[in-house]
Amino acid sequence: MKLKASLVLIAAASLTACVSSPPPDRMPQPSAQPQGVEGSWVDPNGIVSQFQGGTFTTRSSDSNTLLASGNYVSLSPTLVEINMTSLVRKTQSRVNCSLVTPTQLNCTQDSGAQFSLARRG
């Protein structure tokens, strides 16, 4: 009799454990943190910069006009060098950027001018 009661308790405990755990497809998924500079960034004036697979572009936020384009290379997990051509000024420049947080990129142009970008979305 004790053996039957023990088996019933074990079976009940097993069923309770199964019922109290959410199914795998309903388990909360960790949100993916962006890696490096890949993605969209915006400056305080609303100018949008896109880093994608080594290609860099900057567009106006109102008309989506291409303002600058170029290439970038990651020098380390937090440092990026951009070689870009300004289509507005018709100049080429090198920009060094430091990823200070996952959402803030501080940049210095070869002229010494500094600016910051904030990750979008």
C-alpha atoms as a PDB file:
ATOM      1  CA  MET A   1       0.000   0.000   0.000  1.00  0.00           C
ATOM      2  CA  LYS A   2       2.836   2.371   0.843  1.00  0.00           C
ATOM      3  CA  LEU A   3       4.430   1.603  -2.538  1.00  0.00           C
ATOM      4  CA  LYS A   4       1.207   2.574  -4.371  1.00  0.00           C
ATOM      5  CA  ALA A   5       0.912   5.801  -2.380  1.00  0.00           C
ATOM      6  CA  SER A   6       4.558   6.660  -3.108  1.00  0.00           C
ATOM      7  CA  LEU A   7       4.094   6.031  -6.823  1.00  0.00           C
ATOM      8  CA  VAL A   8       0.970   8.208  -6.890  1.00  0.00           C
ATOM      9  CA  LEU A   9       2.811  11.064  -5.123  1.00  0.00           C
ATOM     10  CA  ILE A  10       5.774  10.829  -7.510  1.00  0.00           C
ATOM     11  CA  ALA A  11       3.452  10.826 -10.527  1.00  0.00           C
ATOM     12  CA  ALA A  12       1.519  13.831  -9.168  1.00  0.00           C
ATOM     13  CA  ALA A  13       4.746  15.751  -8.482  1.00  0.00           C
ATOM     14  CA  SER A  14       5.985  15.004 -12.008  1.00  0.00           C
ATOM     15  CA  LEU A  15       2.759  16.252 -13.570  1.00  0.00           C
ATOM     16  CA  THR A  16       2.824  19.409 -11.454  1.00  0.00           C
ATOM     17  CA  ALA A  17       6.378  20.153 -12.595  1.00  0.00           C
ATOM     18  CA  CYS A  18       5.355  19.702 -16.231  1.00  0.00           C
ATOM     19  CA  VAL A  19       2.319  21.915 -15.915  1.00  0.00           C
ATOM     20  CA  SER A  20       4.040  24.732 -14.022  1.00  0.00           C
ATOM     21  CA  SER A  21       6.813  25.198 -16.605  1.00  0.00           C
ATOM     22  CA  PRO A  22       5.883  27.144 -19.738  1.00  0.00           C
ATOM     23  CA  PRO A  23       6.375  25.305 -23.008  1.00  0.00           C
ATOM     24  CA  PRO A  24       9.690  26.035 -24.780  1.00  0.00           C
ATOM     25  CA  ASP A  25       8.020  28.170 -27.466  1.00  0.00           C
ATOM     26  CA  ARG A  26       6.631  30.467 -24.758  1.00  0.00           C
ATOM     27  CA  MET A  27       9.847  30.838 -22.791  1.00  0.00           C
ATOM     28  CA  PRO A  28      11.060  34.445 -22.694  1.00  0.00           C
ATOM     29  CA  GLN A  29      13.820  35.014 -25.223  1.00  0.00           C
ATOM     30  CA  PRO A  30      16.757  37.234 -24.361  1.00  0.00           C
ATOM     31  CA  SER A  31      16.781  40.392 -26.439  1.00  0.00           C
ATOM     32  CA  ALA A  32      19.625  40.579 -28.898  1.00  0.00           C
ATOM     33  CA  GLN A  33      22.072  43.344 -28.080  1.00  0.00           C
ATOM     34  CA  PRO A  34      23.473  45.139 -31.087  1.00  0.00           C
ATOM     35  CA  GLN A  35      27.081  44.257 -31.831  1.00  0.00           C
ATOM     36  CA  GLY A  36      29.602  46.949 -32.730  1.00  0.00           C
ATOM     37  CA  VAL A  37      28.376  49.829 -34.849  1.00  0.00           C
ATOM     38  CA  GLU A  38      26.190  47.858 -37.268  1.00  0.00           C
ATOM     39  CA  GLY A  39      22.802  49.510 -37.716  1.00  0.00           C
ATOM     40  CA  SER A  40      21.270  52.978 -37.798  1.00  0.00           C
ATOM     41  CA  TRP A  41      22.523  55.994 -35.867  1.00  0.00           C
ATOM     42  CA  VAL A  42      21.265  59.568 -35.629  1.00  0.00           C
ATOM     43  CA  ASP A  43      23.001  62.843 -34.777  1.00  0.00           C
ATOM     44  CA  PRO A  44      21.402  65.671 -32.739  1.00  0.00           C
ATOM     45  CA  ASN A  45      20.222  67.327 -36.008  1.00  0.00           C
ATOM     46  CA  GLY A  46      18.348  64.199 -37.084  1.00  0.00           C
ATOM     47  CA  ILE A  47      20.854  63.168 -39.785  1.00  0.00           C
ATOM     48  CA  VAL A  48      20.750  59.364 -40.099  1.00  0.00           C
ATOM     49  CA  SER A  49      23.930  57.298 -40.554  1.00  0.00           C
ATOM     50  CA  GLN A  50      23.868  53.639 -41.517  1.00  0.00           C
ATOM     51  CA  PHE A  51      26.670  51.143 -40.880  1.00  0.00           C
ATOM     52  CA  GLN A  52      26.162  47.907 -42.757  1.00  0.00           C
ATOM     53  CA  GLY A  53      28.718  45.289 -43.747  1.00  0.00           C
ATOM     54  CA  GLY A  54      31.604  47.750 -44.116  1.00  0.00           C
ATOM     55  CA  THR A  55      29.554  50.388 -45.964  1.00  0.00           C
ATOM     56  CA  PHE A  56      28.727  53.752 -44.412  1.00  0.00           C
ATOM     57  CA  THR A  57      26.021  56.159 -45.587  1.00  0.00           C
ATOM     58  CA  THR A  58      24.528  59.349 -44.187  1.00  0.00           C
ATOM     59  CA  ARG A  59      21.113  60.600 -45.265  1.00  0.00           C
ATOM     60  CA  SER A  60      18.902  63.549 -44.448  1.00  0.00           C
ATOM     61  CA  SER A  61      15.987  62.648 -42.230  1.00  0.00           C
ATOM     62  CA  ASP A  62      13.415  64.712 -44.123  1.00  0.00           C
ATOM     63  CA  SER A  63      14.024  63.772 -47.775  1.00  0.00           C
ATOM     64  CA  ASN A  64      16.292  60.718 -47.344  1.00  0.00           C
ATOM     65  CA  THR A  65      18.851  62.445 -49.605  1.00  0.00           C
ATOM     66  CA  LEU A  66      22.284  60.813 -49.602  1.00  0.00           C
ATOM     67  CA  LEU A  67      24.691  63.288 -47.985  1.00  0.00           C
ATOM     68  CA  ALA A  68      27.830  61.165 -47.575  1.00  0.00           C
ATOM     69  CA  SER A  69      29.025  57.657 -48.274  1.00  0.00           C
ATOM     70  CA  GLY A  70      32.092  55.548 -47.724  1.00  0.00           C
ATOM     71  CA  ASN A  71      33.526  52.533 -45.976  1.00  0.00           C
ATOM     72  CA  TYR A  72      34.363  51.689 -42.406  1.00  0.00           C
ATOM     73  CA  VAL A  73      36.613  49.204 -40.695  1.00  0.00           C
ATOM     74  CA  SER A  74      36.525  48.030 -37.091  1.00  0.00           C
ATOM     75  CA  LEU A  75      39.932  48.554 -35.483  1.00  0.00           C
ATOM     76  CA  SER A  76      38.751  46.909 -32.247  1.00  0.00           C
ATOM     77  CA  PRO A  77      35.380  46.038 -30.694  1.00  0.00           C
ATOM     78  CA  THR A  78      34.960  49.707 -29.711  1.00  0.00           C
ATOM     79  CA  LEU A  79      36.946  51.654 -32.344  1.00  0.00           C
ATOM     80  CA  VAL A  80      35.895  52.268 -35.949  1.00  0.00           C
ATOM     81  CA  GLU A  81      37.578  54.195 -38.755  1.00  0.00           C
ATOM     82  CA  ILE A  82      35.369  55.686 -41.484  1.00  0.00           C
ATOM     83  CA  ASN A  83      36.669  56.865 -44.866  1.00  0.00           C
ATOM     84  CA  MET A  84      33.911  58.925 -46.392  1.00  0.00           C
ATOM     85  CA  THR A  85      33.104  61.340 -49.176  1.00  0.00           C
ATOM     86  CA  SER A  86      30.771  64.240 -48.494  1.00  0.00           C
ATOM     87  CA  LEU A  87      28.481  64.652 -51.492  1.00  0.00           C
ATOM     88  CA  VAL A  88      27.459  68.087 -50.191  1.00  0.00           C
ATOM     89  CA  ARG A  89      30.982  69.533 -49.737  1.00  0.00           C
ATOM     90  CA  LYS A  90      32.650  67.309 -52.344  1.00  0.00           C
ATOM     91  CA  THR A  91      35.411  66.431 -49.844  1.00  0.00           C
ATOM     92  CA  GLN A  92      36.924  63.245 -48.514  1.00  0.00           C
ATOM     93  CA  SER A  93      37.676  62.741 -44.847  1.00  0.00           C
ATOM     94  CA  ARG A  94      38.635  60.160 -42.275  1.00  0.00           C
ATOM     95  CA  VAL A  95      36.615  59.868 -39.085  1.00  0.00           C
ATOM     96  CA  ASN A  96      37.579  57.886 -35.996  1.00  0.00           C
ATOM     97  CA  CYS A  97      34.725  56.778 -33.760  1.00  0.00           C
ATOM     98  CA  SER A  98      34.622  55.215 -30.321  1.00  0.00           C
ATOM     99  CA  LEU A  99      31.685  53.131 -29.141  1.00  0.00           C
ATOM    100  CA  VAL A 100      31.424  54.466 -25.574  1.00  0.00           C
ATOM    101  CA  THR A 101      28.183  52.617 -24.818  1.00  0.00           C
ATOM    102  CA  PRO A 102      26.058  50.276 -26.974  1.00  0.00           C
ATOM    103  CA  THR A 103      23.917  53.330 -27.824  1.00  0.00           C
ATOM    104  CA  GLN A 104      26.493  56.160 -28.124  1.00  0.00           C
ATOM    105  CA  LEU A 105      29.221  56.641 -30.695  1.00  0.00           C
ATOM    106  CA  ASN A 106      31.667  59.550 -30.225  1.00  0.00           C
ATOM    107  CA  CYS A 107      33.488  60.595 -33.403  1.00  0.00           C
ATOM    108  CA  THR A 108      36.369  62.882 -34.359  1.00  0.00           C
ATOM    109  CA  GLN A 109      36.962  63.997 -37.941  1.00  0.00           C
ATOM    110  CA  ASP A 110      40.509  64.360 -39.263  1.00  0.00           C
ATOM    111  CA  SER A 111      39.885  68.143 -39.121  1.00  0.00           C
ATOM    112  CA  GLY A 112      39.418  67.869 -35.342  1.00  0.00           C
ATOM    113  CA  ALA A 113      35.650  68.434 -35.378  1.00  0.00           C
ATOM    114  CA  GLN A 114      33.796  66.177 -32.948  1.00  0.00           C
ATOM    115  CA  PHE A 115      30.246  64.830 -32.932  1.00  0.00           C
ATOM    116  CA  SER A 116      28.196  62.088 -31.320  1.00  0.00           C
ATOM    117  CA  LEU A 117      25.702  59.631 -32.745  1.00  0.00           C
ATOM    118  CA  ALA A 118      22.936  57.805 -30.898  1.00  0.00           C
ATOM    119  CA  ARG A 119      21.770  54.342 -31.920  1.00  0.00           C
ATOM    120  CA  ARG A 120      18.277  54.285 -33.421  1.00  0.00           C
ATOM    121  CA  GLY A 121      15.646  51.776 -32.468  1.00  0.00           C
END
